[in-house]
Amino acid sequence: MSKKKFKIDADIGIMTVHDVAKYLRLSEAKVYKMANEGLVPALRMGKTWRFKKELIDEWIRRETELALHVRDASKPNVTIGASLHQMKMLP
């Protein structure tokens, strides 16, 4: 009996770690780490994580606005990527 792999369609709004990693262009390990640390909106279901696409999109919007605010308020040379560095999403 072979096991079939079912992919959850992001169109229904629920994403897996793999889906989120691909969407954010991060490694799956980074997504797991961020979920465990509460840095990204996620729901743990047993041993797996699930993510609501709507909440991921809202989180990205908030983080982008925060980065722009930081840049405008205090550091004119800071880019949006600075927020990702602070969150340890980028090296």
C-alpha atoms as a PDB file:
ATOM      1  CA  MET A   1       0.000   0.000   0.000  1.00  0.00           C
ATOM      2  CA  SER A   2       1.584   3.253  -1.095  1.00  0.00           C
ATOM      3  CA  LYS A   3       1.255   6.489   0.785  1.00  0.00           C
ATOM      4  CA  LYS A   4      -0.077   9.434  -1.166  1.00  0.00           C
ATOM      5  CA  LYS A   5       1.165  12.901  -0.394  1.00  0.00           C
ATOM      6  CA  PHE A   6      -1.565  15.494  -0.268  1.00  0.00           C
ATOM      7  CA  LYS A   7      -0.664  19.092  -0.778  1.00  0.00           C
ATOM      8  CA  ILE A   8      -2.803  21.651   1.007  1.00  0.00           C
ATOM      9  CA  ASP A   9      -3.765  24.297  -1.497  1.00  0.00           C
ATOM     10  CA  ALA A  10      -2.810  27.773  -0.335  1.00  0.00           C
ATOM     11  CA  ASP A  11      -5.969  29.052  -2.054  1.00  0.00           C
ATOM     12  CA  ILE A  12      -8.042  27.627   0.798  1.00  0.00           C
ATOM     13  CA  GLY A  13      -5.977  29.707   3.176  1.00  0.00           C
ATOM     14  CA  ILE A  14      -4.110  27.035   5.134  1.00  0.00           C
ATOM     15  CA  MET A  15      -0.401  26.582   4.544  1.00  0.00           C
ATOM     16  CA  THR A  16       2.179  24.051   5.676  1.00  0.00           C
ATOM     17  CA  VAL A  17       5.753  24.803   6.711  1.00  0.00           C
ATOM     18  CA  HIS A  18       6.803  23.877   3.190  1.00  0.00           C
ATOM     19  CA  ASP A  19       4.232  26.271   1.673  1.00  0.00           C
ATOM     20  CA  VAL A  20       5.294  29.141   3.947  1.00  0.00           C
ATOM     21  CA  ALA A  21       8.985  28.528   3.299  1.00  0.00           C
ATOM     22  CA  LYS A  22       8.388  28.644  -0.433  1.00  0.00           C
ATOM     23  CA  TYR A  23       6.114  31.709  -0.134  1.00  0.00           C
ATOM     24  CA  LEU A  24       8.614  33.662   1.991  1.00  0.00           C
ATOM     25  CA  ARG A  25      11.668  32.232   0.212  1.00  0.00           C
ATOM     26  CA  LEU A  26      13.116  30.864   3.430  1.00  0.00           C
ATOM     27  CA  SER A  27      14.321  27.443   4.433  1.00  0.00           C
ATOM     28  CA  GLU A  28      11.875  25.135   6.160  1.00  0.00           C
ATOM     29  CA  ALA A  29      14.241  25.076   9.160  1.00  0.00           C
ATOM     30  CA  LYS A  30      13.951  28.871   9.438  1.00  0.00           C
ATOM     31  CA  VAL A  31      10.144  28.702   9.316  1.00  0.00           C
ATOM     32  CA  TYR A  32      10.126  26.019  12.042  1.00  0.00           C
ATOM     33  CA  LYS A  33      12.434  28.166  14.175  1.00  0.00           C
ATOM     34  CA  MET A  34      10.321  31.284  13.683  1.00  0.00           C
ATOM     35  CA  ALA A  35       7.127  29.376  14.518  1.00  0.00           C
ATOM     36  CA  ASN A  36       8.664  27.878  17.664  1.00  0.00           C
ATOM     37  CA  GLU A  37       9.840  31.332  18.775  1.00  0.00           C
ATOM     38  CA  GLY A  38       6.470  32.945  18.060  1.00  0.00           C
ATOM     39  CA  LEU A  39       7.909  35.275  15.419  1.00  0.00           C
ATOM     40  CA  VAL A  40       5.365  34.321  12.770  1.00  0.00           C
ATOM     41  CA  PRO A  41       1.621  33.661  13.242  1.00  0.00           C
ATOM     42  CA  ALA A  42       1.189  29.881  13.396  1.00  0.00           C
ATOM     43  CA  LEU A  43      -0.899  27.124  14.928  1.00  0.00           C
ATOM     44  CA  ARG A  44       0.654  23.938  16.237  1.00  0.00           C
ATOM     45  CA  MET A  45      -1.465  20.862  15.619  1.00  0.00           C
ATOM     46  CA  GLY A  46       0.197  17.925  17.314  1.00  0.00           C
ATOM     47  CA  LYS A  47       3.626  17.675  15.734  1.00  0.00           C
ATOM     48  CA  THR A  48       2.813  19.855  12.736  1.00  0.00           C
ATOM     49  CA  TRP A  49       2.494  23.567  12.148  1.00  0.00           C
ATOM     50  CA  ARG A  50      -0.210  25.239  10.095  1.00  0.00           C
ATOM     51  CA  PHE A  51      -0.330  28.832   8.936  1.00  0.00           C
ATOM     52  CA  LYS A  52      -3.248  30.920   7.779  1.00  0.00           C
ATOM     53  CA  LYS A  53      -2.238  32.716   4.588  1.00  0.00           C
ATOM     54  CA  GLU A  54      -4.303  35.763   5.524  1.00  0.00           C
ATOM     55  CA  LEU A  55      -2.360  36.124   8.791  1.00  0.00           C
ATOM     56  CA  ILE A  56       0.994  35.623   7.051  1.00  0.00           C
ATOM     57  CA  ASP A  57       0.106  38.379   4.577  1.00  0.00           C
ATOM     58  CA  GLU A  58      -0.965  40.701   7.416  1.00  0.00           C
ATOM     59  CA  TRP A  59       2.242  39.922   9.322  1.00  0.00           C
ATOM     60  CA  ILE A  60       4.325  40.803   6.235  1.00  0.00           C
ATOM     61  CA  ARG A  61       2.411  44.078   5.855  1.00  0.00           C
ATOM     62  CA  ARG A  62       2.971  44.997   9.517  1.00  0.00           C
ATOM     63  CA  GLU A  63       6.667  44.123   9.390  1.00  0.00           C
ATOM     64  CA  THR A  64       7.109  46.166   6.227  1.00  0.00           C
ATOM     65  CA  GLU A  65       5.362  49.164   7.782  1.00  0.00           C
ATOM     66  CA  LEU A  66       7.498  48.806  10.910  1.00  0.00           C
ATOM     67  CA  ALA A  67      10.673  48.727   8.847  1.00  0.00           C
ATOM     68  CA  LEU A  68       9.595  51.783   6.884  1.00  0.00           C
ATOM     69  CA  HIS A  69       8.722  53.598  10.111  1.00  0.00           C
ATOM     70  CA  VAL A  70      12.118  52.785  11.633  1.00  0.00           C
ATOM     71  CA  ARG A  71      13.836  53.980   8.478  1.00  0.00           C
ATOM     72  CA  ASP A  72      11.868  57.222   8.338  1.00  0.00           C
ATOM     73  CA  ALA A  73      12.129  57.950  12.051  1.00  0.00           C
ATOM     74  CA  SER A  74      15.754  57.352  12.877  1.00  0.00           C
ATOM     75  CA  LYS A  75      17.922  55.748  10.243  1.00  0.00           C
ATOM     76  CA  PRO A  76      17.520  57.085   6.729  1.00  0.00           C
ATOM     77  CA  ASN A  77      19.912  54.472   5.312  1.00  0.00           C
ATOM     78  CA  VAL A  78      18.109  51.463   6.796  1.00  0.00           C
ATOM     79  CA  THR A  79      16.297  49.286   4.277  1.00  0.00           C
ATOM     80  CA  ILE A  80      13.273  47.060   4.732  1.00  0.00           C
ATOM     81  CA  GLY A  81      15.720  44.168   5.098  1.00  0.00           C
ATOM     82  CA  ALA A  82      16.900  45.617   8.403  1.00  0.00           C
ATOM     83  CA  SER A  83      13.706  44.440  10.062  1.00  0.00           C
ATOM     84  CA  LEU A  84      14.349  40.928   8.767  1.00  0.00           C
ATOM     85  CA  HIS A  85      17.882  41.081  10.202  1.00  0.00           C
ATOM     86  CA  GLN A  86      16.518  42.157  13.568  1.00  0.00           C
ATOM     87  CA  MET A  87      14.122  39.209  13.501  1.00  0.00           C
ATOM     88  CA  LYS A  88      17.048  36.942  12.621  1.00  0.00           C
ATOM     89  CA  MET A  89      15.384  35.905   9.382  1.00  0.00           C
ATOM     90  CA  LEU A  90      18.460  36.981   7.438  1.00  0.00           C
ATOM     91  CA  PRO A  91      22.141  36.579   8.370  1.00  0.00           C
END
